PDB file of N, CA and C in Angstrom:
ATOM      1  N   MET A   1      20.974 159.972 -90.951  1.00  0.00           N
ATOM      2  CA  MET A   1      22.594 160.579 -90.781  1.00  0.00           C
ATOM      3  C   MET A   1      23.343 159.273 -90.510  1.00  0.00           C
ATOM      4  N   ASN A   2      24.297 158.993 -90.517  1.00  0.00           N
ATOM      5  CA  ASN A   2      24.999 158.546 -90.171  1.00  0.00           C
ATOM      6  C   ASN A   2      26.060 158.831 -89.194  1.00  0.00           C
ATOM      7  N   MET A   3      26.620 159.199 -88.242  1.00  0.00           N
ATOM      8  CA  MET A   3      27.013 159.650 -87.446  1.00  0.00           C
ATOM      9  C   MET A   3      28.106 158.904 -86.918  1.00  0.00           C
ATOM     10  N   HIS A   4      29.950 158.987 -87.319  1.00  0.00           N
ATOM     11  CA  HIS A   4      30.827 158.126 -85.692  1.00  0.00           C
ATOM     12  C   HIS A   4      31.265 158.933 -84.972  1.00  0.00           C
ATOM     13  N   LEU A   5      31.034 158.063 -84.305  1.00  0.00           N
ATOM     14  CA  LEU A   5      31.398 158.691 -82.852  1.00  0.00           C
ATOM     15  C   LEU A   5      33.047 158.418 -82.737  1.00  0.00           C
ATOM     16  N   ASP A   6      34.102 159.658 -82.792  1.00  0.00           N
ATOM     17  CA  ASP A   6      35.137 158.976 -82.518  1.00  0.00           C
ATOM     18  C   ASP A   6      36.120 159.316 -81.033  1.00  0.00           C
ATOM     19  N   ARG A   7      36.675 158.571 -80.230  1.00  0.00           N
ATOM     20  CA  ARG A   7      36.894 158.584 -78.822  1.00  0.00           C
ATOM     21  C   ARG A   7      37.598 159.044 -78.416  1.00  0.00           C
ATOM     22  N   ARG A   8      38.680 159.247 -79.893  1.00  0.00           N
ATOM     23  CA  ARG A   8      40.056 159.975 -79.717  1.00  0.00           C
ATOM     24  C   ARG A   8      39.853 161.221 -79.359  1.00  0.00           C
ATOM     25  N   LYS A   9      40.577 162.426 -78.624  1.00  0.00           N
ATOM     26  CA  LYS A   9      40.701 163.426 -78.545  1.00  0.00           C
ATOM     27  C   LYS A   9      41.644 164.088 -79.341  1.00  0.00           C
ATOM     28  N   LYS A  10      42.804 163.765 -79.213  1.00  0.00           N
ATOM     29  CA  LYS A  10      43.646 164.411 -80.360  1.00  0.00           C
ATOM     30  C   LYS A  10      43.943 163.154 -81.273  1.00  0.00           C
ATOM     31  N   ARG A  11      43.837 163.823 -82.186  1.00  0.00           N
ATOM     32  CA  ARG A  11      44.800 163.288 -83.327  1.00  0.00           C
ATOM     33  C   ARG A  11      45.482 164.335 -84.200  1.00  0.00           C
ATOM     34  N   SER A  12      46.798 163.162 -85.130  1.00  0.00           N
ATOM     35  CA  SER A  12      47.826 163.790 -85.884  1.00  0.00           C
ATOM     36  C   SER A  12      47.895 162.834 -87.016  1.00  0.00           C
ATOM     37  N   GLN A  13      47.847 163.549 -88.524  1.00  0.00           N
ATOM     38  CA  GLN A  13      48.327 163.214 -89.447  1.00  0.00           C
ATOM     39  C   GLN A  13      49.536 162.711 -89.612  1.00  0.00           C
ATOM     40  N   GLY A  14      50.303 162.303 -88.561  1.00  0.00           N
ATOM     41  CA  GLY A  14      51.921 161.646 -89.238  1.00  0.00           C
ATOM     42  C   GLY A  14      52.125 160.613 -87.987  1.00  0.00           C
ATOM     43  N   MET A  15      52.810 159.390 -88.511  1.00  0.00           N
ATOM     44  CA  MET A  15      52.429 158.098 -87.504  1.00  0.00           C
ATOM     45  C   MET A  15      53.566 158.161 -85.960  1.00  0.00           C
ATOM     46  N   GLN A  16      54.215 158.612 -86.178  1.00  0.00           N
ATOM     47  CA  GLN A  16      55.110 159.575 -85.001  1.00  0.00           C
ATOM     48  C   GLN A  16      54.173 159.994 -83.794  1.00  0.00           C
ATOM     49  N   GLN A  17      54.151 160.907 -84.666  1.00  0.00           N
ATOM     50  CA  GLN A  17      53.010 162.092 -83.343  1.00  0.00           C
ATOM     51  C   GLN A  17      51.561 160.526 -82.831  1.00  0.00           C
ATOM     52  N   SER A  18      51.275 160.342 -83.885  1.00  0.00           N
ATOM     53  CA  SER A  18      49.898 159.105 -83.311  1.00  0.00           C
ATOM     54  C   SER A  18      50.357 158.158 -82.622  1.00  0.00           C
ATOM     55  N   LEU A  19      51.838 157.359 -82.601  1.00  0.00           N
ATOM     56  CA  LEU A  19      52.248 156.261 -82.094  1.00  0.00           C
ATOM     57  C   LEU A  19      52.164 156.851 -80.096  1.00  0.00           C
ATOM     58  N   ASP A  20      52.070 157.834 -80.077  1.00  0.00           N
ATOM     59  CA  ASP A  20      53.094 158.486 -78.874  1.00  0.00           C
ATOM     60  C   ASP A  20      51.763 159.345 -78.052  1.00  0.00           C
ATOM     61  N   LEU A  21      50.574 159.191 -79.172  1.00  0.00           N
ATOM     62  CA  LEU A  21      49.618 159.837 -78.486  1.00  0.00           C
ATOM     63  C   LEU A  21      48.905 158.608 -78.431  1.00  0.00           C
ATOM     64  N   GLN A  22      48.834 157.893 -79.024  1.00  0.00           N
ATOM     65  CA  GLN A  22      48.214 156.243 -78.317  1.00  0.00           C
ATOM     66  C   GLN A  22      49.287 156.360 -77.348  1.00  0.00           C
ATOM     67  N   LEU A  23      50.710 155.918 -76.933  1.00  0.00           N
ATOM     68  CA  LEU A  23      51.022 155.277 -75.880  1.00  0.00           C
ATOM     69  C   LEU A  23      50.543 156.616 -74.640  1.00  0.00           C
ATOM     70  N   ASP A  24      49.912 158.004 -75.172  1.00  0.00           N
ATOM     71  CA  ASP A  24      50.359 158.597 -73.748  1.00  0.00           C
ATOM     72  C   ASP A  24      48.525 157.854 -73.618  1.00  0.00           C
ATOM     73  N   ALA A  25      47.775 158.180 -74.816  1.00  0.00           N
ATOM     74  CA  ALA A  25      46.520 157.879 -74.143  1.00  0.00           C
ATOM     75  C   ALA A  25      46.340 156.606 -72.735  1.00  0.00           C
ATOM     76  N   SER A  26      46.913 155.927 -73.441  1.00  0.00           N
ATOM     77  CA  SER A  26      46.322 154.393 -72.800  1.00  0.00           C
ATOM     78  C   SER A  26      47.715 154.596 -71.035  1.00  0.00           C
ATOM     79  N   ARG A  27      49.010 155.493 -71.223  1.00  0.00           N
ATOM     80  CA  ARG A  27      49.036 155.379 -70.375  1.00  0.00           C
ATOM     81  C   ARG A  27      48.831 156.260 -68.963  1.00  0.00           C
ATOM     82  N   GLU A  28      47.866 156.861 -69.427  1.00  0.00           N
ATOM     83  CA  GLU A  28      46.726 157.673 -68.646  1.00  0.00           C
ATOM     84  C   GLU A  28      45.901 156.723 -68.191  1.00  0.00           C
ATOM     85  N   ARG A  29      45.475 156.007 -68.644  1.00  0.00           N
ATOM     86  CA  ARG A  29      44.066 155.086 -68.275  1.00  0.00           C
ATOM     87  C   ARG A  29      44.816 154.144 -67.902  1.00  0.00           C
ATOM     88  N   LEU A  30      45.900 153.410 -67.908  1.00  0.00           N
ATOM     89  CA  LEU A  30      46.982 152.567 -66.975  1.00  0.00           C
ATOM     90  C   LEU A  30      47.497 153.422 -65.468  1.00  0.00           C
ATOM     91  N   ARG A  31      47.438 154.573 -65.582  1.00  0.00           N
ATOM     92  CA  ARG A  31      47.761 155.777 -64.346  1.00  0.00           C
ATOM     93  C   ARG A  31      49.514 154.647 -64.574  1.00  0.00           C
ATOM     94  N   SER A  32      50.049 154.883 -65.156  1.00  0.00           N
ATOM     95  CA  SER A  32      51.568 154.400 -65.424  1.00  0.00           C
ATOM     96  C   SER A  32      52.375 155.465 -65.290  1.00  0.00           C
ATOM     97  N   ASP A  33      53.274 154.941 -65.356  1.00  0.00           N
ATOM     98  CA  ASP A  33      54.512 156.483 -65.257  1.00  0.00           C
ATOM     99  C   ASP A  33      54.864 156.269 -66.439  1.00  0.00           C
ATOM    100  N   SER A  34      54.825 155.156 -67.364  1.00  0.00           N
ATOM    101  CA  SER A  34      55.830 155.256 -68.932  1.00  0.00           C
ATOM    102  C   SER A  34      55.071 154.137 -69.362  1.00  0.00           C
ATOM    103  N   LEU A  35      55.201 154.768 -70.884  1.00  0.00           N
ATOM    104  CA  LEU A  35      54.733 153.196 -71.394  1.00  0.00           C
ATOM    105  C   LEU A  35      55.205 153.527 -72.981  1.00  0.00           C
ATOM    106  N   VAL A  36      56.092 151.945 -73.172  1.00  0.00           N
ATOM    107  CA  VAL A  36      56.966 152.180 -74.424  1.00  0.00           C
ATOM    108  C   VAL A  36      57.057 151.360 -75.360  1.00  0.00           C
ATOM    109  N   LEU A  37      56.957 151.610 -76.690  1.00  0.00           N
ATOM    110  CA  LEU A  37      56.968 150.580 -77.618  1.00  0.00           C
ATOM    111  C   LEU A  37      58.603 150.487 -78.053  1.00  0.00           C
ATOM    112  N   ALA A  38      58.806 149.369 -77.679  1.00  0.00           N
ATOM    113  CA  ALA A  38      60.302 148.941 -78.899  1.00  0.00           C
ATOM    114  C   ALA A  38      60.125 148.158 -79.348  1.00  0.00           C
ATOM    115  N   ASP A  39      61.498 147.988 -80.515  1.00  0.00           N
ATOM    116  CA  ASP A  39      61.477 146.877 -81.252  1.00  0.00           C
ATOM    117  C   ASP A  39      62.860 145.319 -80.959  1.00  0.00           C
ATOM    118  N   ASP A  40      62.387 143.982 -81.483  1.00  0.00           N
ATOM    119  CA  ASP A  40      63.247 142.725 -81.669  1.00  0.00           C
ATOM    120  C   ASP A  40      64.344 143.542 -80.622  1.00  0.00           C
ATOM    121  N   VAL A  41      64.934 144.471 -81.333  1.00  0.00           N
ATOM    122  CA  VAL A  41      67.034 144.411 -80.269  1.00  0.00           C
ATOM    123  C   VAL A  41      66.469 145.269 -79.053  1.00  0.00           C
ATOM    124  N   GLY A  42      65.907 146.546 -78.665  1.00  0.00           N
ATOM    125  CA  GLY A  42      65.484 147.422 -77.890  1.00  0.00           C
ATOM    126  C   GLY A  42      65.429 148.459 -78.132  1.00  0.00           C
ATOM    127  N   LEU A  43      65.184 148.756 -79.498  1.00  0.00           N
ATOM    128  CA  LEU A  43      64.872 150.481 -79.476  1.00  0.00           C
ATOM    129  C   LEU A  43      63.718 151.347 -79.874  1.00  0.00           C
ATOM    130  N   LEU A  44      63.792 152.123 -78.945  1.00  0.00           N
ATOM    131  CA  LEU A  44      62.461 152.673 -79.115  1.00  0.00           C
ATOM    132  C   LEU A  44      62.045 153.098 -80.431  1.00  0.00           C
ATOM    133  N   ILE A  45      60.437 153.270 -80.436  1.00  0.00           N
ATOM    134  CA  ILE A  45      60.091 153.010 -81.551  1.00  0.00           C
ATOM    135  C   ILE A  45      58.737 154.059 -81.181  1.00  0.00           C
ATOM    136  N   ALA A  46      58.392 154.086 -80.208  1.00  0.00           N
ATOM    137  CA  ALA A  46      57.459 155.299 -79.368  1.00  0.00           C
ATOM    138  C   ALA A  46      57.642 154.638 -78.021  1.00  0.00           C
ATOM    139  N   GLU A  47      57.155 156.413 -77.292  1.00  0.00           N
ATOM    140  CA  GLU A  47      57.156 156.772 -75.904  1.00  0.00           C
ATOM    141  C   GLU A  47      56.321 157.515 -75.440  1.00  0.00           C
ATOM    142  N   ALA A  48      55.491 157.434 -74.060  1.00  0.00           N
ATOM    143  CA  ALA A  48      55.115 157.965 -73.114  1.00  0.00           C
ATOM    144  C   ALA A  48      55.443 158.303 -72.369  1.00  0.00           C
ATOM    145  N   GLY A  49      56.282 159.488 -70.978  1.00  0.00           N
ATOM    146  CA  GLY A  49      56.608 159.500 -70.591  1.00  0.00           C
ATOM    147  C   GLY A  49      57.957 159.786 -70.734  1.00  0.00           C
ATOM    148  N   ASP A  50      58.730 159.640 -69.008  1.00  0.00           N
ATOM    149  CA  ASP A  50      60.348 160.456 -69.362  1.00  0.00           C
ATOM    150  C   ASP A  50      61.033 159.412 -69.812  1.00  0.00           C
ATOM    151  N   LYS A  51      61.488 160.569 -71.069  1.00  0.00           N
ATOM    152  CA  LYS A  51      62.909 160.157 -72.362  1.00  0.00           C
ATOM    153  C   LYS A  51      63.999 158.803 -72.112  1.00  0.00           C
ATOM    154  N   GLU A  52      64.571 159.162 -70.674  1.00  0.00           N
ATOM    155  CA  GLU A  52      65.887 158.253 -70.518  1.00  0.00           C
ATOM    156  C   GLU A  52      64.654 157.166 -69.627  1.00  0.00           C
ATOM    157  N   GLU A  53      64.028 157.463 -69.136  1.00  0.00           N
ATOM    158  CA  GLU A  53      63.715 155.608 -68.689  1.00  0.00           C
ATOM    159  C   GLU A  53      63.035 155.350 -69.765  1.00  0.00           C
ATOM    160  N   CYS A  54      62.390 155.679 -70.304  1.00  0.00           N
ATOM    161  CA  CYS A  54      61.539 154.824 -72.107  1.00  0.00           C
ATOM    162  C   CYS A  54      62.504 154.398 -72.490  1.00  0.00           C
ATOM    163  N   GLU A  55      63.857 155.230 -72.618  1.00  0.00           N
ATOM    164  CA  GLU A  55      65.113 154.465 -73.555  1.00  0.00           C
ATOM    165  C   GLU A  55      65.544 153.102 -72.969  1.00  0.00           C
ATOM    166  N   GLU A  56      65.722 152.962 -71.554  1.00  0.00           N
ATOM    167  CA  GLU A  56      65.969 152.000 -70.817  1.00  0.00           C
ATOM    168  C   GLU A  56      65.540 150.921 -70.656  1.00  0.00           C
ATOM    169  N   VAL A  57      64.609 151.098 -70.639  1.00  0.00           N
ATOM    170  CA  VAL A  57      63.223 150.048 -70.174  1.00  0.00           C
ATOM    171  C   VAL A  57      63.192 149.146 -71.983  1.00  0.00           C
ATOM    172  N   ALA A  58      63.216 150.203 -73.259  1.00  0.00           N
ATOM    173  CA  ALA A  58      63.142 149.595 -74.350  1.00  0.00           C
ATOM    174  C   ALA A  58      63.929 148.678 -74.457  1.00  0.00           C
ATOM    175  N   ALA A  59      65.086 149.137 -73.713  1.00  0.00           N
ATOM    176  CA  ALA A  59      66.356 148.131 -74.429  1.00  0.00           C
ATOM    177  C   ALA A  59      66.642 146.999 -73.179  1.00  0.00           C
ATOM    178  N   LEU A  60      65.940 146.669 -72.492  1.00  0.00           N
ATOM    179  CA  LEU A  60      65.711 145.966 -71.078  1.00  0.00           C
ATOM    180  C   LEU A  60      64.587 144.841 -71.639  1.00  0.00           C
ATOM    181  N   ALA A  61      63.186 145.229 -72.799  1.00  0.00           N
ATOM    182  CA  ALA A  61      62.347 144.532 -73.129  1.00  0.00           C
ATOM    183  C   ALA A  61      62.562 143.016 -73.859  1.00  0.00           C
ATOM    184  N   PRO A  62      63.194 143.026 -74.450  1.00  0.00           N
ATOM    185  CA  PRO A  62      63.803 142.142 -75.244  1.00  0.00           C
ATOM    186  C   PRO A  62      64.315 141.173 -74.598  1.00  0.00           C
ATOM    187  N   HIS A  63      65.326 141.442 -73.306  1.00  0.00           N
ATOM    188  CA  HIS A  63      65.845 139.802 -72.146  1.00  0.00           C
ATOM    189  C   HIS A  63      64.932 140.098 -70.855  1.00  0.00           C
ATOM    190  N   LEU A  64      63.909 140.498 -71.090  1.00  0.00           N
ATOM    191  CA  LEU A  64      62.754 140.538 -69.833  1.00  0.00           C
ATOM    192  C   LEU A  64      61.411 139.744 -70.152  1.00  0.00           C
ATOM    193  N   ALA A  65      61.227 139.794 -71.568  1.00  0.00           N
ATOM    194  CA  ALA A  65      60.367 139.148 -72.521  1.00  0.00           C
ATOM    195  C   ALA A  65      60.396 138.002 -73.306  1.00  0.00           C
ATOM    196  N   HIS A  66      61.504 136.680 -72.749  1.00  0.00           N
ATOM    197  CA  HIS A  66      61.533 135.733 -73.538  1.00  0.00           C
ATOM    198  C   HIS A  66      60.311 134.631 -74.080  1.00  0.00           C
ATOM    199  N   GLY A  67      60.796 134.020 -75.436  1.00  0.00           N
ATOM    200  CA  GLY A  67      59.908 133.150 -75.978  1.00  0.00           C
ATOM    201  C   GLY A  67      58.206 133.802 -75.844  1.00  0.00           C
ATOM    202  N   LYS A  68      58.246 135.054 -76.403  1.00  0.00           N
ATOM    203  CA  LYS A  68      57.170 135.897 -76.675  1.00  0.00           C
ATOM    204  C   LYS A  68      55.826 136.005 -75.651  1.00  0.00           C
ATOM    205  N   LYS A  69      56.555 135.505 -74.203  1.00  0.00           N
ATOM    206  CA  LYS A  69      55.141 136.053 -73.681  1.00  0.00           C
ATOM    207  C   LYS A  69      55.230 137.019 -72.953  1.00  0.00           C
ATOM    208  N   VAL A  70      54.293 137.358 -72.286  1.00  0.00           N
ATOM    209  CA  VAL A  70      54.115 138.835 -71.327  1.00  0.00           C
ATOM    210  C   VAL A  70      55.262 138.152 -70.068  1.00  0.00           C
ATOM    211  N   TRP A  71      55.678 139.067 -69.664  1.00  0.00           N
ATOM    212  CA  TRP A  71      56.593 139.238 -68.240  1.00  0.00           C
ATOM    213  C   TRP A  71      56.458 140.364 -67.418  1.00  0.00           C
ATOM    214  N   SER A  72      56.142 139.815 -66.849  1.00  0.00           N
ATOM    215  CA  SER A  72      55.922 140.814 -65.079  1.00  0.00           C
ATOM    216  C   SER A  72      56.502 140.914 -64.176  1.00  0.00           C
ATOM    217  N   GLY A  73      57.204 142.323 -63.686  1.00  0.00           N
ATOM    218  CA  GLY A  73      58.028 141.744 -62.030  1.00  0.00           C
ATOM    219  C   GLY A  73      58.988 142.999 -61.926  1.00  0.00           C
ATOM    220  N   ARG A  74      59.545 142.987 -60.124  1.00  0.00           N
ATOM    221  CA  ARG A  74      60.181 143.840 -60.260  1.00  0.00           C
ATOM    222  C   ARG A  74      62.141 144.346 -60.887  1.00  0.00           C
ATOM    223  N   ILE A  75      62.417 145.501 -61.111  1.00  0.00           N
ATOM    224  CA  ILE A  75      63.832 145.196 -61.761  1.00  0.00           C
ATOM    225  C   ILE A  75      64.243 146.293 -60.790  1.00  0.00           C
ATOM    226  N   ARG A  76      65.597 146.162 -60.598  1.00  0.00           N
ATOM    227  CA  ARG A  76      66.086 147.382 -60.847  1.00  0.00           C
ATOM    228  C   ARG A  76      67.614 147.792 -61.241  1.00  0.00           C
ATOM    229  N   TRP A  77      67.275 148.662 -61.271  1.00  0.00           N
ATOM    230  CA  TRP A  77      68.000 149.766 -62.200  1.00  0.00           C
ATOM    231  C   TRP A  77      68.473 151.225 -61.831  1.00  0.00           C
ATOM    232  N   ARG A  78      68.811 151.939 -62.451  1.00  0.00           N
ATOM    233  CA  ARG A  78      69.360 153.237 -61.945  1.00  0.00           C
ATOM    234  C   ARG A  78      68.130 154.211 -61.681  1.00  0.00           C
ATOM    235  N   PHE A  79      67.474 154.178 -61.635  1.00  0.00           N
ATOM    236  CA  PHE A  79      66.307 154.781 -61.327  1.00  0.00           C
ATOM    237  C   PHE A  79      65.314 154.412 -60.015  1.00  0.00           C
ATOM    238  N   GLY A  80      66.153 152.991 -59.481  1.00  0.00           N
ATOM    239  CA  GLY A  80      65.719 152.099 -58.442  1.00  0.00           C
ATOM    240  C   GLY A  80      64.896 151.668 -59.004  1.00  0.00           C
ATOM    241  N   MET A  81      63.674 150.971 -57.871  1.00  0.00           N
ATOM    242  CA  MET A  81      62.920 149.070 -58.220  1.00  0.00           C
ATOM    243  C   MET A  81      61.672 150.098 -58.642  1.00  0.00           C
ATOM    244  N   ARG A  82      61.541 149.057 -59.996  1.00  0.00           N
ATOM    245  CA  ARG A  82      60.478 149.446 -60.651  1.00  0.00           C
ATOM    246  C   ARG A  82      59.492 148.017 -60.789  1.00  0.00           C
ATOM    247  N   GLN A  83      57.824 148.095 -60.732  1.00  0.00           N
ATOM    248  CA  GLN A  83      57.223 147.572 -61.179  1.00  0.00           C
ATOM    249  C   GLN A  83      57.516 147.463 -63.479  1.00  0.00           C
ATOM    250  N   VAL A  84      57.821 146.686 -63.745  1.00  0.00           N
ATOM    251  CA  VAL A  84      57.487 146.705 -65.071  1.00  0.00           C
ATOM    252  C   VAL A  84      56.584 145.271 -65.813  1.00  0.00           C
ATOM    253  N   THR A  85      55.972 145.693 -66.606  1.00  0.00           N
ATOM    254  CA  THR A  85      55.100 144.885 -67.706  1.00  0.00           C
ATOM    255  C   THR A  85      55.661 144.809 -68.941  1.00  0.00           C
ATOM    256  N   VAL A  86      55.822 143.896 -69.488  1.00  0.00           N
ATOM    257  CA  VAL A  86      56.729 143.986 -71.050  1.00  0.00           C
ATOM    258  C   VAL A  86      55.478 142.919 -71.427  1.00  0.00           C
ATOM    259  N   SER A  87      54.844 143.801 -72.596  1.00  0.00           N
ATOM    260  CA  SER A  87      53.830 142.431 -74.108  1.00  0.00           C
ATOM    261  C   SER A  87      54.432 142.499 -75.089  1.00  0.00           C
ATOM    262  N   PRO A  88      55.278 141.589 -75.479  1.00  0.00           N
ATOM    263  CA  PRO A  88      55.027 141.370 -77.265  1.00  0.00           C
ATOM    264  C   PRO A  88      54.412 140.714 -78.114  1.00  0.00           C
ATOM    265  N   PHE A  89      54.456 141.334 -79.399  1.00  0.00           N
ATOM    266  CA  PHE A  89      53.124 141.131 -79.865  1.00  0.00           C
ATOM    267  C   PHE A  89      54.283 141.306 -81.341  1.00  0.00           C
ATOM    268  N   LYS A  90      53.222 140.555 -81.907  1.00  0.00           N
ATOM    269  CA  LYS A  90      53.872 140.967 -83.742  1.00  0.00           C
ATOM    270  C   LYS A  90      52.708 141.493 -84.498  1.00  0.00           C
ATOM    271  N   ILE A  91      53.265 142.607 -85.421  1.00  0.00           N
ATOM    272  CA  ILE A  91      53.589 143.362 -86.741  1.00  0.00           C
ATOM    273  C   ILE A  91      53.949 143.272 -87.871  1.00  0.00           C
ATOM    274  N   GLY A  92      53.062 142.479 -88.305  1.00  0.00           N
ATOM    275  CA  GLY A  92      53.141 141.883 -89.688  1.00  0.00           C
ATOM    276  C   GLY A  92      54.057 140.370 -89.411  1.00  0.00           C
ATOM    277  N   ALA A  93      55.719 140.522 -89.822  1.00  0.00           N
ATOM    278  CA  ALA A  93      56.832 139.926 -89.593  1.00  0.00           C
ATOM    279  C   ALA A  93      57.444 140.172 -88.310  1.00  0.00           C
ATOM    280  N   SER A  94      57.137 141.246 -87.931  1.00  0.00           N
ATOM    281  CA  SER A  94      57.891 141.605 -87.028  1.00  0.00           C
ATOM    282  C   SER A  94      57.637 141.688 -85.443  1.00  0.00           C
ATOM    283  N   LEU A  95      58.307 141.744 -84.704  1.00  0.00           N
ATOM    284  CA  LEU A  95      58.744 141.482 -82.723  1.00  0.00           C
ATOM    285  C   LEU A  95      58.580 143.065 -82.616  1.00  0.00           C
ATOM    286  N   VAL A  96      57.849 143.280 -81.530  1.00  0.00           N
ATOM    287  CA  VAL A  96      57.728 144.164 -80.537  1.00  0.00           C
ATOM    288  C   VAL A  96      57.714 144.102 -79.581  1.00  0.00           C
ATOM    289  N   PHE A  97      57.354 145.239 -78.363  1.00  0.00           N
ATOM    290  CA  PHE A  97      57.015 145.339 -77.447  1.00  0.00           C
ATOM    291  C   PHE A  97      56.759 146.794 -76.220  1.00  0.00           C
ATOM    292  N   LEU A  98      55.635 146.247 -75.446  1.00  0.00           N
ATOM    293  CA  LEU A  98      55.163 147.279 -75.077  1.00  0.00           C
ATOM    294  C   LEU A  98      54.791 146.923 -73.474  1.00  0.00           C
ATOM    295  N   CYS A  99      55.818 148.118 -73.200  1.00  0.00           N
ATOM    296  CA  CYS A  99      56.491 148.050 -72.384  1.00  0.00           C
ATOM    297  C   CYS A  99      55.543 149.131 -71.388  1.00  0.00           C
ATOM    298  N   ALA A 100      55.298 148.658 -70.036  1.00  0.00           N
ATOM    299  CA  ALA A 100      54.585 149.601 -68.578  1.00  0.00           C
ATOM    300  C   ALA A 100      55.389 150.130 -67.956  1.00  0.00           C
ATOM    301  N   LEU A 101      56.197 151.091 -67.360  1.00  0.00           N
ATOM    302  CA  LEU A 101      56.067 150.952 -65.897  1.00  0.00           C
ATOM    303  C   LEU A 101      55.538 151.387 -64.958  1.00  0.00           C
ATOM    304  N   ARG A 102      55.231 150.504 -64.142  1.00  0.00           N
ATOM    305  CA  ARG A 102      54.102 150.559 -62.890  1.00  0.00           C
ATOM    306  C   ARG A 102      53.031 150.736 -63.582  1.00  0.00           C
ATOM    307  N   GLY A 103      51.691 151.226 -63.216  1.00  0.00           N
ATOM    308  CA  GLY A 103      49.919 150.991 -63.641  1.00  0.00           C
ATOM    309  C   GLY A 103      49.745 150.458 -62.474  1.00  0.00           C
ATOM    310  N   ASN A 104      48.022 150.830 -62.988  1.00  0.00           N
ATOM    311  CA  ASN A 104      46.660 149.493 -62.311  1.00  0.00           C
ATOM    312  C   ASN A 104      46.917 148.632 -62.680  1.00  0.00           C
ATOM    313  N   PRO A 105      47.448 147.332 -61.642  1.00  0.00           N
ATOM    314  CA  PRO A 105      47.264 145.897 -62.374  1.00  0.00           C
ATOM    315  C   PRO A 105      45.539 145.228 -63.140  1.00  0.00           C
ATOM    316  N   ALA A 106      44.615 145.613 -62.235  1.00  0.00           N
ATOM    317  CA  ALA A 106      43.183 145.523 -62.994  1.00  0.00           C
ATOM    318  C   ALA A 106      43.370 146.129 -64.133  1.00  0.00           C
ATOM    319  N   ARG A 107      43.760 147.353 -64.882  1.00  0.00           N
ATOM    320  CA  ARG A 107      43.846 148.045 -65.841  1.00  0.00           C
ATOM    321  C   ARG A 107      44.862 147.613 -66.805  1.00  0.00           C
ATOM    322  N   MET A 108      45.649 146.215 -66.821  1.00  0.00           N
ATOM    323  CA  MET A 108      46.814 146.153 -67.260  1.00  0.00           C
ATOM    324  C   MET A 108      46.090 145.384 -68.899  1.00  0.00           C
ATOM    325  N   ASP A 109      45.521 144.317 -68.615  1.00  0.00           N
ATOM    326  CA  ASP A 109      45.318 143.246 -69.544  1.00  0.00           C
ATOM    327  C   ASP A 109      44.501 143.813 -70.651  1.00  0.00           C
ATOM    328  N   PRO A 110      43.314 144.467 -70.223  1.00  0.00           N
ATOM    329  CA  PRO A 110      43.023 145.291 -71.528  1.00  0.00           C
ATOM    330  C   PRO A 110      43.267 146.426 -72.226  1.00  0.00           C
ATOM    331  N   VAL A 111      43.899 147.875 -71.510  1.00  0.00           N
ATOM    332  CA  VAL A 111      44.393 148.552 -72.245  1.00  0.00           C
ATOM    333  C   VAL A 111      45.813 148.089 -72.522  1.00  0.00           C
ATOM    334  N   LEU A 112      46.386 147.241 -72.226  1.00  0.00           N
ATOM    335  CA  LEU A 112      47.376 146.678 -72.939  1.00  0.00           C
ATOM    336  C   LEU A 112      47.060 146.029 -74.112  1.00  0.00           C
ATOM    337  N   SER A 113      45.964 145.411 -74.237  1.00  0.00           N
ATOM    338  CA  SER A 113      45.440 144.698 -75.605  1.00  0.00           C
ATOM    339  C   SER A 113      45.104 145.564 -76.589  1.00  0.00           C
ATOM    340  N   GLN A 114      43.889 146.554 -75.657  1.00  0.00           N
ATOM    341  CA  GLN A 114      43.943 148.103 -76.493  1.00  0.00           C
ATOM    342  C   GLN A 114      44.786 149.020 -77.376  1.00  0.00           C
ATOM    343  N   THR A 115      45.742 148.984 -76.044  1.00  0.00           N
ATOM    344  CA  THR A 115      47.201 149.640 -77.374  1.00  0.00           C
ATOM    345  C   THR A 115      47.966 149.127 -78.136  1.00  0.00           C
ATOM    346  N   ARG A 116      47.709 147.761 -78.468  1.00  0.00           N
ATOM    347  CA  ARG A 116      48.045 147.014 -79.514  1.00  0.00           C
ATOM    348  C   ARG A 116      47.140 147.146 -80.448  1.00  0.00           C
ATOM    349  N   GLU A 117      46.209 147.324 -80.118  1.00  0.00           N
ATOM    350  CA  GLU A 117      45.421 147.514 -81.760  1.00  0.00           C
ATOM    351  C   GLU A 117      45.380 148.526 -82.385  1.00  0.00           C
ATOM    352  N   GLY A 118      45.409 149.380 -81.160  1.00  0.00           N
ATOM    353  CA  GLY A 118      45.716 151.240 -81.739  1.00  0.00           C
ATOM    354  C   GLY A 118      46.986 151.278 -82.754  1.00  0.00           C
ATOM    355  N   VAL A 119      47.986 150.442 -81.899  1.00  0.00           N
ATOM    356  CA  VAL A 119      50.015 150.729 -82.916  1.00  0.00           C
ATOM    357  C   VAL A 119      49.157 149.675 -83.498  1.00  0.00           C
ATOM    358  N   ARG A 120      48.561 148.876 -83.837  1.00  0.00           N
ATOM    359  CA  ARG A 120      48.546 148.472 -85.134  1.00  0.00           C
ATOM    360  C   ARG A 120      47.664 148.952 -85.546  1.00  0.00           C
ATOM    361  N   ARG A 121      46.923 149.576 -86.065  1.00  0.00           N
ATOM    362  CA  ARG A 121      46.088 149.896 -87.264  1.00  0.00           C
ATOM    363  C   ARG A 121      46.335 151.390 -86.842  1.00  0.00           C
ATOM    364  N   ILE A 122      47.660 152.351 -86.679  1.00  0.00           N
ATOM    365  CA  ILE A 122      48.088 153.296 -86.820  1.00  0.00           C
ATOM    366  C   ILE A 122      49.253 152.825 -88.397  1.00  0.00           C
ATOM    367  N   LEU A 123      50.553 151.452 -87.936  1.00  0.00           N
ATOM    368  CA  LEU A 123      51.390 151.312 -88.485  1.00  0.00           C
ATOM    369  C   LEU A 123      51.270 150.681 -89.489  1.00  0.00           C
ATOM    370  N   SER A 124      49.847 150.050 -89.811  1.00  0.00           N
ATOM    371  CA  SER A 124      49.122 149.442 -90.819  1.00  0.00           C
ATOM    372  C   SER A 124      48.811 150.822 -92.336  1.00  0.00           C
ATOM    373  N   ARG A 125      48.696 151.350 -91.841  1.00  0.00           N
ATOM    374  CA  ARG A 125      48.786 152.958 -92.583  1.00  0.00           C
ATOM    375  C   ARG A 125      49.452 152.874 -94.237  1.00  0.00           C
TER     376      ARG A 125
END
């Protein structure tokens, strides 16, 4: 008998809820305040964390990550100073941004990489 172990604790059939669950699981692994998926014009696609904060970081993402390179730094906004990491990546022909507010720096690269793959898997359904 071939048994497949599934690490996911929560499942959803809906794409939006699947994206939100993926980001929430990654946010917990990062110990991040918020994790955001934004499109190339700064619109929120999915989020885990405070809705207002997520919308604001989504709007900033395309301006922070120029030239499709990962950007990490501190920014000042109405919520105060925040450490933000913005990781752009392609899904098909579309450029999207995965953004983490705060989080464990040692876990940032591997968790964001896993999250990008999860997002690709969900959006390819």
